[in-house]
N, C-alpha and C. Protein backbone atom coordinates (compact mmCIF):
# COMPACT_ATOMS: atom_id res chain seq x y z
N MET A 1 24.28 -26.66 28.40
CA MET A 1 23.51 -25.76 28.74
C MET A 1 22.65 -24.95 29.88
N LEU A 2 21.79 -23.85 29.99
CA LEU A 2 21.23 -23.44 30.93
C LEU A 2 19.87 -23.79 31.05
N ARG A 3 19.79 -24.05 32.63
CA ARG A 3 18.30 -24.72 33.04
C ARG A 3 17.96 -23.83 34.10
N TYR A 4 16.46 -23.64 33.78
CA TYR A 4 15.47 -22.19 34.81
C TYR A 4 14.89 -23.03 35.28
N LEU A 5 14.99 -24.05 36.53
CA LEU A 5 14.33 -24.78 36.87
C LEU A 5 13.52 -24.39 38.57
N TYR A 6 12.30 -24.08 39.09
CA TYR A 6 11.83 -23.84 40.52
C TYR A 6 12.26 -25.45 41.32
N ALA A 7 12.34 -25.23 42.43
CA ALA A 7 12.66 -26.11 43.59
C ALA A 7 11.35 -27.55 43.29
N LYS A 8 10.44 -26.90 43.01
CA LYS A 8 9.57 -28.12 42.77
C LYS A 8 9.34 -29.02 41.47
N ASP A 9 10.14 -28.66 40.85
CA ASP A 9 10.45 -29.13 39.39
C ASP A 9 11.73 -29.90 39.28
N LEU A 10 12.58 -30.07 40.24
CA LEU A 10 14.14 -30.36 40.60
C LEU A 10 13.79 -31.96 40.34
N VAL A 11 12.50 -32.55 40.89
CA VAL A 11 12.39 -33.98 41.08
C VAL A 11 12.47 -34.64 39.43
N ARG A 12 12.14 -33.80 38.54
CA ARG A 12 12.00 -34.53 36.99
C ARG A 12 13.63 -34.36 36.57
N PHE A 13 14.57 -33.92 37.29
CA PHE A 13 15.91 -33.88 36.85
C PHE A 13 16.76 -34.51 38.43
N PRO A 14 16.72 -35.86 38.87
CA PRO A 14 17.43 -36.16 39.67
C PRO A 14 18.60 -36.38 39.84
N ASP A 15 19.31 -36.65 38.63
CA ASP A 15 20.79 -36.42 38.77
C ASP A 15 21.14 -35.02 38.72
N LEU A 16 20.40 -34.20 38.13
CA LEU A 16 21.04 -32.85 38.16
C LEU A 16 21.20 -31.98 39.47
N ALA A 17 19.78 -32.42 40.08
CA ALA A 17 19.52 -31.74 41.47
C ALA A 17 20.30 -32.38 42.09
N ARG A 18 20.71 -33.82 42.17
CA ARG A 18 21.58 -34.33 43.33
C ARG A 18 22.85 -33.91 43.31
N SER A 19 23.30 -33.64 42.15
CA SER A 19 24.62 -33.24 41.83
C SER A 19 24.88 -31.54 42.20
N MET A 20 23.96 -30.95 41.89
CA MET A 20 23.92 -29.62 42.62
C MET A 20 24.00 -29.53 44.13
N PHE A 21 23.32 -30.20 44.67
CA PHE A 21 23.20 -30.13 46.43
C PHE A 21 24.80 -30.86 46.88
N THR A 22 25.01 -32.03 46.35
CA THR A 22 26.22 -32.38 46.63
C THR A 22 27.66 -31.40 46.40
N ASP A 23 27.42 -30.70 45.18
CA ASP A 23 28.62 -29.85 44.69
C ASP A 23 28.75 -28.52 45.85
N ARG A 24 27.20 -28.35 46.16
CA ARG A 24 27.40 -27.26 47.12
C ARG A 24 27.93 -27.54 48.56
N ALA A 25 27.39 -28.91 48.75
CA ALA A 25 27.90 -29.39 50.11
C ALA A 25 29.84 -29.34 50.21
N GLU A 26 30.30 -29.84 48.79
CA GLU A 26 31.44 -29.65 48.55
C GLU A 26 32.13 -28.10 48.80
N GLN A 27 31.67 -27.35 48.19
CA GLN A 27 32.03 -26.06 48.24
C GLN A 27 31.88 -25.01 49.33
N PHE A 28 30.80 -25.10 49.97
CA PHE A 28 30.74 -24.21 50.83
C PHE A 28 31.24 -25.09 52.20
N ALA A 29 30.80 -26.37 52.65
CA ALA A 29 31.08 -26.96 53.53
C ALA A 29 32.80 -27.43 53.65
N ARG A 30 32.95 -28.33 52.85
CA ARG A 30 34.30 -28.95 52.59
C ARG A 30 35.30 -27.97 52.08
N ARG A 31 35.20 -26.88 51.19
CA ARG A 31 36.48 -26.03 50.74
C ARG A 31 36.17 -25.05 51.68
N LEU A 32 35.36 -24.32 51.43
CA LEU A 32 35.06 -23.03 52.48
C LEU A 32 34.97 -22.83 53.70
N GLY A 33 34.44 -24.16 54.10
CA GLY A 33 34.42 -24.30 55.84
C GLY A 33 33.14 -23.44 56.60
N TRP A 34 32.26 -23.21 55.66
CA TRP A 34 31.29 -22.44 56.27
C TRP A 34 30.32 -23.51 56.89
N PRO A 35 29.62 -23.12 57.98
CA PRO A 35 28.92 -23.60 59.01
C PRO A 35 27.59 -23.88 58.46
N VAL A 36 27.46 -24.46 57.12
CA VAL A 36 26.25 -25.18 56.78
C VAL A 36 25.35 -26.61 56.61
N GLU A 37 24.64 -27.07 56.96
CA GLU A 37 24.05 -28.52 57.27
C GLU A 37 24.05 -29.12 55.88
N MET A 38 24.45 -30.61 56.41
CA MET A 38 24.17 -31.24 55.16
C MET A 38 23.43 -32.38 55.47
N ASN A 39 22.74 -33.16 54.94
CA ASN A 39 21.93 -34.23 55.08
C ASN A 39 22.65 -35.32 55.04
N THR A 40 21.91 -36.77 55.29
CA THR A 40 22.55 -37.67 55.22
C THR A 40 22.99 -38.11 53.90
N ALA A 41 22.24 -37.77 52.78
CA ALA A 41 22.72 -38.01 51.64
C ALA A 41 23.96 -36.99 51.10
N GLY A 42 24.62 -36.16 51.68
CA GLY A 42 25.66 -35.20 51.70
C GLY A 42 25.10 -34.27 51.12
N GLU A 43 24.35 -33.77 50.92
CA GLU A 43 23.71 -32.93 50.41
C GLU A 43 23.54 -31.37 51.33
N GLU A 44 23.79 -30.33 50.73
CA GLU A 44 23.78 -29.06 51.40
C GLU A 44 22.39 -28.38 51.38
N ARG A 45 21.72 -28.27 51.63
CA ARG A 45 20.39 -27.66 51.83
C ARG A 45 20.03 -26.95 53.03
N ASP A 46 19.38 -25.60 52.79
CA ASP A 46 18.75 -24.77 53.55
C ASP A 46 17.43 -24.18 53.51
N GLU A 47 17.19 -23.52 54.84
CA GLU A 47 15.25 -23.53 54.97
C GLU A 47 14.92 -22.69 53.65
N TYR A 48 15.73 -22.08 52.50
CA TYR A 48 15.45 -21.23 51.78
C TYR A 48 15.10 -22.01 50.41
N ASP A 49 15.73 -23.28 50.47
CA ASP A 49 15.22 -24.15 49.51
C ASP A 49 14.06 -24.67 49.41
N ALA A 50 13.26 -24.37 50.88
CA ALA A 50 12.20 -25.16 51.19
C ALA A 50 11.24 -24.11 50.73
N LEU A 51 11.61 -22.91 50.10
CA LEU A 51 10.88 -21.97 49.73
C LEU A 51 10.02 -21.89 48.14
N ASN A 52 10.55 -22.68 47.51
CA ASN A 52 10.60 -22.77 45.96
C ASN A 52 11.20 -21.77 45.37
N PRO A 53 12.46 -21.89 45.63
CA PRO A 53 13.33 -20.85 44.69
C PRO A 53 13.31 -21.07 43.34
N LEU A 54 14.09 -20.35 42.31
CA LEU A 54 14.22 -20.58 40.91
C LEU A 54 16.07 -20.58 41.18
N TYR A 55 16.05 -21.94 40.40
CA TYR A 55 17.74 -22.07 40.40
C TYR A 55 18.25 -21.88 38.77
N VAL A 56 19.20 -21.19 38.61
CA VAL A 56 19.61 -21.23 37.29
C VAL A 56 20.88 -21.78 37.04
N ILE A 57 20.65 -22.99 36.51
CA ILE A 57 21.60 -24.16 36.51
C ILE A 57 22.57 -24.30 34.76
N TRP A 58 23.69 -24.33 35.22
CA TRP A 58 24.32 -24.98 33.99
C TRP A 58 24.73 -26.54 33.88
N GLU A 59 24.06 -27.17 33.15
CA GLU A 59 24.17 -28.41 32.83
C GLU A 59 25.51 -28.53 32.20
N ARG A 60 26.08 -29.84 32.71
CA ARG A 60 27.04 -30.61 31.71
C ARG A 60 26.14 -31.52 30.96
N PRO A 61 27.61 -31.74 29.79
CA PRO A 61 26.95 -32.78 28.99
C PRO A 61 26.11 -34.15 29.54
N ASP A 62 26.81 -34.64 30.57
CA ASP A 62 26.50 -35.74 31.12
C ASP A 62 25.14 -35.58 31.83
N GLY A 63 24.63 -34.50 31.78
CA GLY A 63 23.33 -34.41 32.65
C GLY A 63 23.35 -33.59 34.28
N ARG A 64 24.77 -33.44 34.67
CA ARG A 64 25.20 -33.23 35.93
C ARG A 64 25.48 -31.94 36.11
N HIS A 65 25.12 -31.48 37.28
CA HIS A 65 25.77 -30.02 37.67
C HIS A 65 27.16 -29.30 37.52
N GLY A 66 27.06 -28.44 36.57
CA GLY A 66 28.20 -27.82 36.45
C GLY A 66 28.14 -26.14 37.25
N GLY A 67 27.50 -25.97 37.68
CA GLY A 67 27.19 -24.45 38.38
C GLY A 67 25.81 -23.97 38.59
N SER A 68 25.50 -23.30 39.30
CA SER A 68 24.30 -22.73 39.86
C SER A 68 24.13 -21.84 40.86
N MET A 69 22.80 -20.67 40.75
CA MET A 69 22.16 -20.03 41.50
C MET A 69 21.24 -20.37 42.10
N ARG A 70 20.96 -19.41 43.08
CA ARG A 70 19.50 -19.83 43.75
C ARG A 70 18.60 -18.18 43.77
N PHE A 71 17.82 -18.01 43.49
CA PHE A 71 17.05 -16.60 43.35
C PHE A 71 15.61 -16.82 44.04
N LEU A 72 15.17 -16.15 44.46
CA LEU A 72 13.98 -15.65 45.71
C LEU A 72 13.74 -13.95 45.23
N PRO A 73 12.55 -13.62 45.00
CA PRO A 73 11.71 -12.23 45.34
C PRO A 73 12.02 -11.88 46.86
N THR A 74 12.19 -10.83 46.81
CA THR A 74 12.60 -10.09 48.20
C THR A 74 11.35 -9.44 48.59
N THR A 75 10.38 -9.85 48.02
CA THR A 75 8.85 -9.48 48.67
C THR A 75 8.28 -10.64 49.35
N GLY A 76 9.01 -11.96 49.83
CA GLY A 76 9.09 -12.80 50.62
C GLY A 76 10.30 -12.95 51.40
N ARG A 77 10.47 -14.37 51.86
CA ARG A 77 11.60 -14.23 52.70
C ARG A 77 12.70 -14.31 52.32
N THR A 78 14.11 -13.54 52.44
CA THR A 78 15.45 -13.98 51.69
C THR A 78 16.53 -13.88 53.26
N MET A 79 17.72 -14.46 52.86
CA MET A 79 18.74 -14.75 53.47
C MET A 79 19.00 -12.98 53.56
N VAL A 80 19.22 -12.38 52.89
CA VAL A 80 19.46 -10.98 53.09
C VAL A 80 19.00 -10.19 54.35
N ASN A 81 17.67 -10.32 54.23
CA ASN A 81 16.77 -9.48 55.05
C ASN A 81 16.84 -10.07 56.29
N ASP A 82 16.78 -11.52 56.44
CA ASP A 82 16.86 -12.30 57.48
C ASP A 82 17.94 -12.59 58.41
N HIS A 83 18.76 -12.32 57.97
CA HIS A 83 20.19 -12.70 58.47
C HIS A 83 21.36 -11.45 58.38
N PHE A 84 21.57 -10.64 57.07
CA PHE A 84 22.27 -9.89 56.63
C PHE A 84 21.99 -8.40 57.10
N ALA A 85 20.97 -7.88 57.49
CA ALA A 85 20.17 -6.53 57.56
C ALA A 85 20.97 -5.74 58.09
N HIS A 86 21.93 -6.15 58.98
CA HIS A 86 22.75 -5.37 59.80
C HIS A 86 23.77 -4.63 58.90
N ILE A 87 23.97 -5.14 57.85
CA ILE A 87 25.40 -4.80 56.70
C ILE A 87 24.81 -3.66 56.46
N ASN A 88 23.11 -3.77 56.13
CA ASN A 88 22.71 -2.65 55.39
C ASN A 88 22.28 -1.48 56.24
N ASN A 89 22.99 -1.20 57.51
CA ASN A 89 22.44 -0.29 58.27
C ASN A 89 20.92 -0.51 58.77
N GLY A 90 20.40 -1.84 58.83
CA GLY A 90 19.37 -2.49 59.23
C GLY A 90 18.04 -2.11 58.35
N HIS A 91 18.46 -2.02 57.19
CA HIS A 91 17.38 -1.40 56.42
C HIS A 91 16.97 -2.83 55.36
N ARG A 92 15.78 -3.14 55.54
CA ARG A 92 15.47 -4.49 54.56
C ARG A 92 15.29 -4.16 52.59
N ILE A 93 15.72 -4.84 52.05
CA ILE A 93 15.26 -4.69 50.81
C ILE A 93 14.49 -5.33 50.26
N GLU A 94 13.48 -4.67 49.95
CA GLU A 94 11.87 -5.35 49.56
C GLU A 94 11.60 -4.63 48.44
N SER A 95 11.53 -5.07 47.38
CA SER A 95 10.89 -4.80 46.07
C SER A 95 10.25 -5.66 45.14
N PRO A 96 9.45 -5.46 44.57
CA PRO A 96 9.20 -6.76 43.27
C PRO A 96 10.03 -6.59 42.24
N PHE A 97 10.47 -5.55 42.38
CA PHE A 97 11.92 -5.62 41.11
C PHE A 97 13.24 -5.79 41.38
N ILE A 98 13.32 -6.23 42.70
CA ILE A 98 14.49 -6.72 43.10
C ILE A 98 14.50 -8.36 43.49
N TRP A 99 15.30 -9.15 42.97
CA TRP A 99 15.43 -10.54 43.63
C TRP A 99 16.79 -10.87 44.12
N GLU A 100 16.61 -11.88 45.28
CA GLU A 100 17.96 -11.95 45.93
C GLU A 100 18.72 -13.22 45.20
N CYS A 101 19.89 -13.15 45.19
CA CYS A 101 20.90 -14.19 44.56
C CYS A 101 21.49 -14.72 45.23
N THR A 102 21.66 -16.09 45.74
CA THR A 102 22.53 -16.65 47.04
C THR A 102 23.10 -18.09 46.04
N ARG A 103 23.62 -18.65 46.82
CA ARG A 103 24.27 -19.89 46.52
C ARG A 103 25.21 -19.90 45.38
N PHE A 104 25.95 -18.93 44.80
CA PHE A 104 26.70 -19.24 43.77
C PHE A 104 27.62 -20.38 43.96
N CYS A 105 27.72 -21.55 42.90
CA CYS A 105 28.37 -22.60 43.25
C CYS A 105 28.88 -23.43 41.88
N LEU A 106 29.94 -23.46 41.56
CA LEU A 106 30.80 -24.30 40.87
C LEU A 106 31.12 -25.59 40.93
N SER A 107 30.83 -26.41 39.92
CA SER A 107 30.96 -27.94 40.48
C SER A 107 32.85 -28.11 40.20
N PRO A 108 33.33 -29.24 40.70
CA PRO A 108 34.80 -28.82 40.45
C PRO A 108 35.05 -29.52 39.52
N GLN A 109 34.09 -30.05 38.49
CA GLN A 109 34.25 -30.50 37.16
C GLN A 109 33.69 -29.42 36.31
N ALA A 110 33.63 -28.50 36.49
CA ALA A 110 32.72 -27.29 35.92
C ALA A 110 33.99 -26.90 34.57
N ASP A 111 33.28 -26.67 33.69
CA ASP A 111 34.46 -26.04 32.29
C ASP A 111 34.31 -24.46 32.81
N ARG A 112 34.80 -24.06 31.78
CA ARG A 112 35.74 -22.33 31.82
C ARG A 112 34.39 -21.71 31.52
N ARG A 113 33.26 -21.99 30.80
CA ARG A 113 32.29 -21.50 30.58
C ARG A 113 31.26 -21.04 31.64
N ALA A 114 31.29 -21.90 32.87
CA ALA A 114 30.14 -22.15 33.73
C ALA A 114 29.68 -21.01 34.54
N SER A 115 30.78 -20.24 34.87
CA SER A 115 30.70 -18.95 35.99
C SER A 115 30.09 -18.02 34.79
N VAL A 116 30.66 -17.80 33.77
CA VAL A 116 30.01 -16.98 32.76
C VAL A 116 28.49 -17.16 32.18
N ALA A 117 28.74 -18.39 31.85
CA ALA A 117 27.28 -18.46 32.00
C ALA A 117 26.04 -18.63 32.84
N LEU A 118 26.37 -18.56 34.18
CA LEU A 118 25.59 -18.33 35.15
C LEU A 118 24.97 -16.85 34.87
N ALA A 119 26.04 -15.69 34.64
CA ALA A 119 25.87 -14.41 34.18
C ALA A 119 24.81 -13.88 33.34
N LEU A 120 24.87 -15.13 32.41
CA LEU A 120 24.08 -15.01 31.18
C LEU A 120 22.72 -15.36 31.57
N GLY A 121 22.69 -16.49 32.66
CA GLY A 121 21.28 -16.91 32.72
C GLY A 121 20.62 -15.72 33.87
N ALA A 122 21.56 -15.29 34.58
CA ALA A 122 20.97 -14.22 35.57
C ALA A 122 20.23 -12.88 34.54
N GLY A 123 20.96 -12.62 33.63
CA GLY A 123 20.71 -11.63 32.98
C GLY A 123 19.60 -11.97 32.10
N GLU A 124 19.14 -13.38 31.54
CA GLU A 124 18.06 -13.89 30.92
C GLU A 124 16.65 -13.61 32.22
N VAL A 125 17.08 -14.03 33.63
CA VAL A 125 15.93 -13.87 34.31
C VAL A 125 15.56 -12.22 34.92
N MET A 126 16.68 -11.60 34.69
CA MET A 126 16.28 -10.09 35.06
C MET A 126 15.61 -9.42 33.57
N ALA A 127 15.99 -10.16 32.54
CA ALA A 127 15.15 -9.25 31.36
C ALA A 127 13.75 -10.13 31.17
N ALA A 128 13.40 -10.99 31.62
CA ALA A 128 12.41 -11.76 31.65
C ALA A 128 11.09 -11.22 32.35
N MET A 129 11.97 -11.09 33.54
CA MET A 129 11.01 -10.92 35.01
C MET A 129 10.92 -9.57 35.03
N LYS A 130 11.44 -8.94 33.95
CA LYS A 130 11.62 -6.89 34.33
C LYS A 130 11.89 -6.59 35.43
N LEU A 131 13.34 -7.08 35.82
CA LEU A 131 13.72 -6.77 37.24
C LEU A 131 14.90 -5.77 37.08
N GLN A 132 15.24 -4.77 37.90
CA GLN A 132 16.23 -3.71 38.01
C GLN A 132 17.16 -4.35 38.67
N HIS A 133 17.29 -4.98 39.65
CA HIS A 133 18.55 -5.47 40.22
C HIS A 133 18.24 -6.93 40.99
N PHE A 134 19.73 -7.52 41.28
CA PHE A 134 19.68 -8.52 42.19
C PHE A 134 20.52 -8.07 43.45
N VAL A 135 20.03 -8.87 44.45
CA VAL A 135 20.58 -8.35 45.81
C VAL A 135 21.69 -9.59 46.17
N GLY A 136 22.58 -9.37 46.89
CA GLY A 136 23.42 -10.67 47.32
C GLY A 136 24.31 -10.35 48.35
N VAL A 137 24.60 -11.50 49.31
CA VAL A 137 25.76 -11.36 50.24
C VAL A 137 26.96 -11.79 49.37
N PHE A 138 27.96 -11.15 49.35
CA PHE A 138 29.51 -11.43 49.08
C PHE A 138 30.32 -11.26 50.10
N ASP A 139 31.63 -12.08 49.88
CA ASP A 139 32.65 -12.16 50.70
C ASP A 139 33.99 -11.85 50.02
N ALA A 140 35.03 -11.83 50.49
CA ALA A 140 36.31 -11.32 49.65
C ALA A 140 36.46 -12.26 48.37
N ARG A 141 36.45 -13.36 48.48
CA ARG A 141 36.72 -14.23 47.56
C ARG A 141 35.70 -14.09 46.40
N MET A 142 34.40 -14.13 46.66
CA MET A 142 33.52 -13.76 45.58
C MET A 142 33.63 -12.46 44.63
N GLU A 143 33.95 -11.23 45.75
CA GLU A 143 34.27 -9.72 45.14
C GLU A 143 35.12 -10.16 44.45
N ARG A 144 36.50 -10.69 44.35
CA ARG A 144 37.28 -10.95 43.24
C ARG A 144 36.62 -11.58 41.93
N ILE A 145 36.13 -12.78 42.12
CA ILE A 145 35.55 -13.03 40.94
C ILE A 145 34.51 -12.42 40.25
N TYR A 146 33.83 -11.87 40.85
CA TYR A 146 32.85 -10.71 40.17
C TYR A 146 33.47 -10.09 39.46
N ARG A 147 34.83 -9.43 39.86
CA ARG A 147 35.51 -8.20 39.45
C ARG A 147 36.15 -9.17 38.10
N LEU A 148 36.48 -10.45 37.97
CA LEU A 148 37.19 -10.64 37.07
C LEU A 148 36.14 -11.02 35.87
N MET A 149 34.74 -11.47 36.41
CA MET A 149 33.88 -11.40 35.35
C MET A 149 33.28 -10.18 34.90
N GLY A 150 33.55 -8.88 35.57
CA GLY A 150 32.96 -7.56 34.92
C GLY A 150 31.54 -7.26 35.64
N LEU A 151 31.32 -7.97 36.63
CA LEU A 151 30.07 -7.79 37.37
C LEU A 151 30.18 -7.27 38.82
N GLU A 152 31.00 -6.40 39.09
CA GLU A 152 31.10 -5.84 40.41
C GLU A 152 29.86 -5.14 40.82
N PRO A 153 29.56 -5.18 42.08
CA PRO A 153 28.01 -4.89 42.49
C PRO A 153 28.22 -3.48 43.05
N ASP A 154 27.16 -2.82 43.16
CA ASP A 154 26.88 -1.80 43.75
C ASP A 154 26.97 -1.62 45.33
N VAL A 155 27.96 -1.46 45.93
CA VAL A 155 28.19 -2.15 47.45
C VAL A 155 27.07 -1.15 48.44
N LEU A 156 26.31 -2.13 49.06
CA LEU A 156 25.45 -1.20 49.99
C LEU A 156 25.86 -1.00 51.32
N GLY A 157 26.84 -1.85 51.70
CA GLY A 157 27.64 -2.16 53.08
C GLY A 157 28.66 -3.14 53.28
N ARG A 158 29.69 -2.92 54.32
CA ARG A 158 30.52 -3.99 54.42
C ARG A 158 30.67 -4.47 56.00
N VAL A 159 31.21 -5.49 56.26
CA VAL A 159 31.42 -5.50 57.66
C VAL A 159 32.36 -6.54 57.77
N GLY A 160 33.44 -6.32 58.69
CA GLY A 160 34.59 -7.35 58.70
C GLY A 160 35.77 -6.85 58.11
N GLU A 161 36.96 -7.77 58.17
CA GLU A 161 38.24 -7.32 57.78
C GLU A 161 38.63 -8.56 57.04
N GLY A 162 39.68 -8.24 55.74
CA GLY A 162 40.31 -9.27 55.26
C GLY A 162 39.51 -10.42 54.81
N ARG A 163 39.68 -11.83 55.01
CA ARG A 163 39.41 -12.60 54.36
C ARG A 163 37.92 -12.99 55.17
N ASP A 164 37.58 -12.57 56.26
CA ASP A 164 36.55 -12.35 56.98
C ASP A 164 35.20 -11.35 56.46
N ARG A 165 35.62 -10.29 55.57
CA ARG A 165 34.77 -9.52 55.10
C ARG A 165 34.00 -9.65 54.22
N ILE A 166 32.72 -9.13 54.68
CA ILE A 166 31.34 -9.74 53.66
C ILE A 166 30.47 -8.59 53.21
N GLY A 167 29.72 -8.23 52.37
CA GLY A 167 29.37 -7.26 52.06
C GLY A 167 27.90 -7.38 51.12
N VAL A 168 26.98 -6.67 51.18
CA VAL A 168 25.92 -6.70 50.54
C VAL A 168 26.17 -5.63 49.38
N GLY A 169 25.43 -6.08 48.48
CA GLY A 169 25.26 -5.57 47.02
C GLY A 169 24.19 -5.72 45.90
N LEU A 170 24.24 -4.76 45.09
CA LEU A 170 23.23 -4.79 44.26
C LEU A 170 23.81 -4.89 42.74
N TRP A 171 23.34 -5.93 41.98
CA TRP A 171 23.77 -6.05 40.57
C TRP A 171 22.48 -5.62 39.69
N SER A 172 23.16 -5.01 38.37
CA SER A 172 22.44 -5.08 37.47
C SER A 172 22.78 -5.80 35.85
N MET A 173 22.15 -5.86 34.98
CA MET A 173 22.98 -6.31 33.90
C MET A 173 22.00 -5.46 32.76
N GLU A 174 22.55 -4.41 32.09
CA GLU A 174 22.43 -3.70 30.92
C GLU A 174 22.41 -4.79 29.81
N GLU A 175 21.54 -4.40 28.60
CA GLU A 175 21.43 -4.75 27.20
C GLU A 175 23.04 -4.84 26.75
N ALA A 176 23.66 -3.94 27.21
CA ALA A 176 24.91 -3.76 26.06
C ALA A 176 26.05 -4.94 26.91
N ALA A 177 25.32 -5.51 27.86
CA ALA A 177 26.56 -6.28 28.60
C ALA A 177 26.04 -8.10 27.99
N PHE A 178 24.84 -8.11 27.16
CA PHE A 178 24.73 -9.69 26.63
C PHE A 178 25.77 -10.03 25.65
N ALA A 179 26.11 -8.90 24.80
CA ALA A 179 26.80 -9.59 23.32
C ALA A 179 28.42 -10.23 24.24
N PRO A 180 29.07 -9.34 24.94
CA PRO A 180 30.17 -9.93 25.33
C PRO A 180 30.09 -11.29 26.07
N THR A 181 29.20 -11.25 27.10
CA THR A 181 28.56 -12.30 27.74
C THR A 181 28.60 -13.58 26.99
N LEU A 182 27.84 -13.40 26.06
CA LEU A 182 27.34 -14.35 25.10
C LEU A 182 28.61 -14.94 24.30
N ALA A 183 29.12 -14.01 23.84
CA ALA A 183 30.81 -14.40 23.37
C ALA A 183 31.47 -15.44 24.04
N LYS A 184 31.40 -15.11 25.31
CA LYS A 184 32.51 -15.90 26.39
C LYS A 184 31.79 -17.33 26.67
N VAL A 185 30.11 -17.34 26.65
CA VAL A 185 29.64 -18.69 26.48
C VAL A 185 29.67 -19.52 25.22
N GLY A 186 29.83 -18.88 23.93
CA GLY A 186 29.93 -19.32 22.96
C GLY A 186 28.30 -19.57 22.11
N VAL A 187 27.58 -18.88 22.59
CA VAL A 187 26.26 -18.98 22.02
C VAL A 187 26.05 -17.56 21.51
N ASP A 188 24.62 -17.80 20.74
CA ASP A 188 23.76 -16.47 20.37
C ASP A 188 23.05 -16.18 21.03
N ARG A 189 22.30 -15.08 21.19
CA ARG A 189 21.06 -14.56 22.00
C ARG A 189 19.92 -15.86 21.80
N ALA A 190 20.17 -15.98 20.28
CA ALA A 190 18.70 -16.75 20.24
C ALA A 190 18.68 -18.03 20.93
N THR A 191 19.66 -18.63 20.82
CA THR A 191 19.93 -19.90 21.74
C THR A 191 19.94 -19.91 23.53
N SER A 192 20.37 -18.64 23.80
CA SER A 192 20.16 -18.20 25.12
C SER A 192 18.47 -18.42 25.24
N ARG A 193 17.78 -17.93 24.54
CA ARG A 193 16.58 -17.25 24.93
C ARG A 193 15.60 -18.55 24.54
N ALA A 194 16.48 -19.27 23.66
CA ALA A 194 15.67 -20.55 23.46
C ALA A 194 15.56 -21.80 24.83
N TRP A 195 16.79 -21.90 25.29
CA TRP A 195 17.05 -22.45 26.73
C TRP A 195 15.97 -21.73 27.65
N LEU A 196 15.81 -20.86 27.78
CA LEU A 196 14.76 -20.06 28.91
C LEU A 196 13.56 -20.55 28.39
N ARG A 197 13.24 -20.48 27.12
CA ARG A 197 11.63 -21.33 26.60
C ARG A 197 11.48 -22.15 26.65
N TYR A 198 12.92 -23.17 26.81
CA TYR A 198 12.26 -24.38 27.02
C TYR A 198 12.25 -24.89 28.01
N SER A 199 12.93 -23.86 29.25
CA SER A 199 12.25 -24.55 30.50
C SER A 199 11.20 -23.83 30.95
N LEU A 200 10.49 -23.07 30.50
CA LEU A 200 9.28 -22.35 30.62
C LEU A 200 8.22 -23.54 30.18
N ALA A 201 8.57 -24.43 28.91
CA ALA A 201 7.55 -25.31 28.25
C ALA A 201 7.56 -26.16 29.24
N LEU A 202 8.66 -27.04 29.89
CA LEU A 202 8.64 -27.48 30.80
C LEU A 202 7.71 -27.45 31.98
N GLN A 203 7.93 -26.31 32.85
CA GLN A 203 7.37 -25.71 33.73
C GLN A 203 5.67 -25.85 33.10
N ALA A 204 5.37 -25.37 32.13
CA ALA A 204 3.67 -25.27 31.52
C ALA A 204 3.20 -26.76 31.36
N SER A 205 4.45 -27.54 31.01
CA SER A 205 3.61 -28.93 31.09
C SER A 205 3.47 -29.72 32.45
N SER A 206 3.84 -28.88 33.47
CA SER A 206 3.57 -29.18 35.19
C SER A 206 2.74 -28.51 35.65
N SER A 207 2.43 -27.69 34.50
CA SER A 207 1.28 -26.71 35.17
C SER A 207 1.66 -25.36 35.88
N THR A 208 3.06 -24.80 35.91
CA THR A 208 3.34 -23.83 36.30
C THR A 208 2.81 -22.87 35.07
N GLY A 209 3.28 -22.88 33.83
CA GLY A 209 2.75 -22.07 33.00
C GLY A 209 3.53 -20.85 32.86
N ALA A 210 4.35 -20.23 33.69
CA ALA A 210 4.87 -18.82 33.58
C ALA A 210 6.30 -18.78 34.50
N LEU A 211 7.11 -18.17 33.98
CA LEU A 211 8.06 -17.78 35.07
C LEU A 211 7.49 -16.74 35.96
N VAL A 212 6.71 -17.54 36.84
CA VAL A 212 6.41 -16.84 38.21
C VAL A 212 6.36 -16.94 39.21
N GLN A 213 6.90 -16.73 40.42
CA GLN A 213 7.10 -17.29 42.00
C GLN A 213 6.12 -17.72 42.20
N SER A 214 5.46 -18.92 42.63
CA SER A 214 4.37 -19.20 43.21
C SER A 214 4.22 -19.17 44.68
N ALA A 215 3.45 -18.64 45.39
CA ALA A 215 3.33 -18.26 46.48
C ALA A 215 2.57 -19.48 47.22
């Protein structure tokens, strides 16, 4: 199932949270060789995890991480503005209708539905928050994955060549895209929305009350 959890609520799901951050270490540090930091628990975390981002997480039947993405409003601090504005000719991307998506990660034990389920979750966040776009930084490997998923970005800029090429792009999800995405995940829209409502109910019980970024 999909879970929608802010960072402050991860403490309620320790196995899910721990496996997400260790899977991030496996993917970004060990497999891709990115210069990311790992803590003594073998978890990959960065400064943006401390800003109470929203995580969309595909949870495996055993309660552990299958895949995830991280979202932050562009009205606050974001990776794309802090570190990659030069790819967009120095222009900052700041809008209440655009959120940043980063740290797309799949568990080594992920099933075939994980990546498309994350796309579904992103679409539900976009619909719930009445957003127009997500913005993110992508490399050549992820660009191929997005193309296979039918989620090619509107590219704002690129730098580098070959495997070292990175870009900044905008994504949207039209209502018509939900049907084929739901079919690939194997659920109907009612179930997808129920996963979101369930997460909202959990947040309400811990005094958040709504899918709104706490400042």
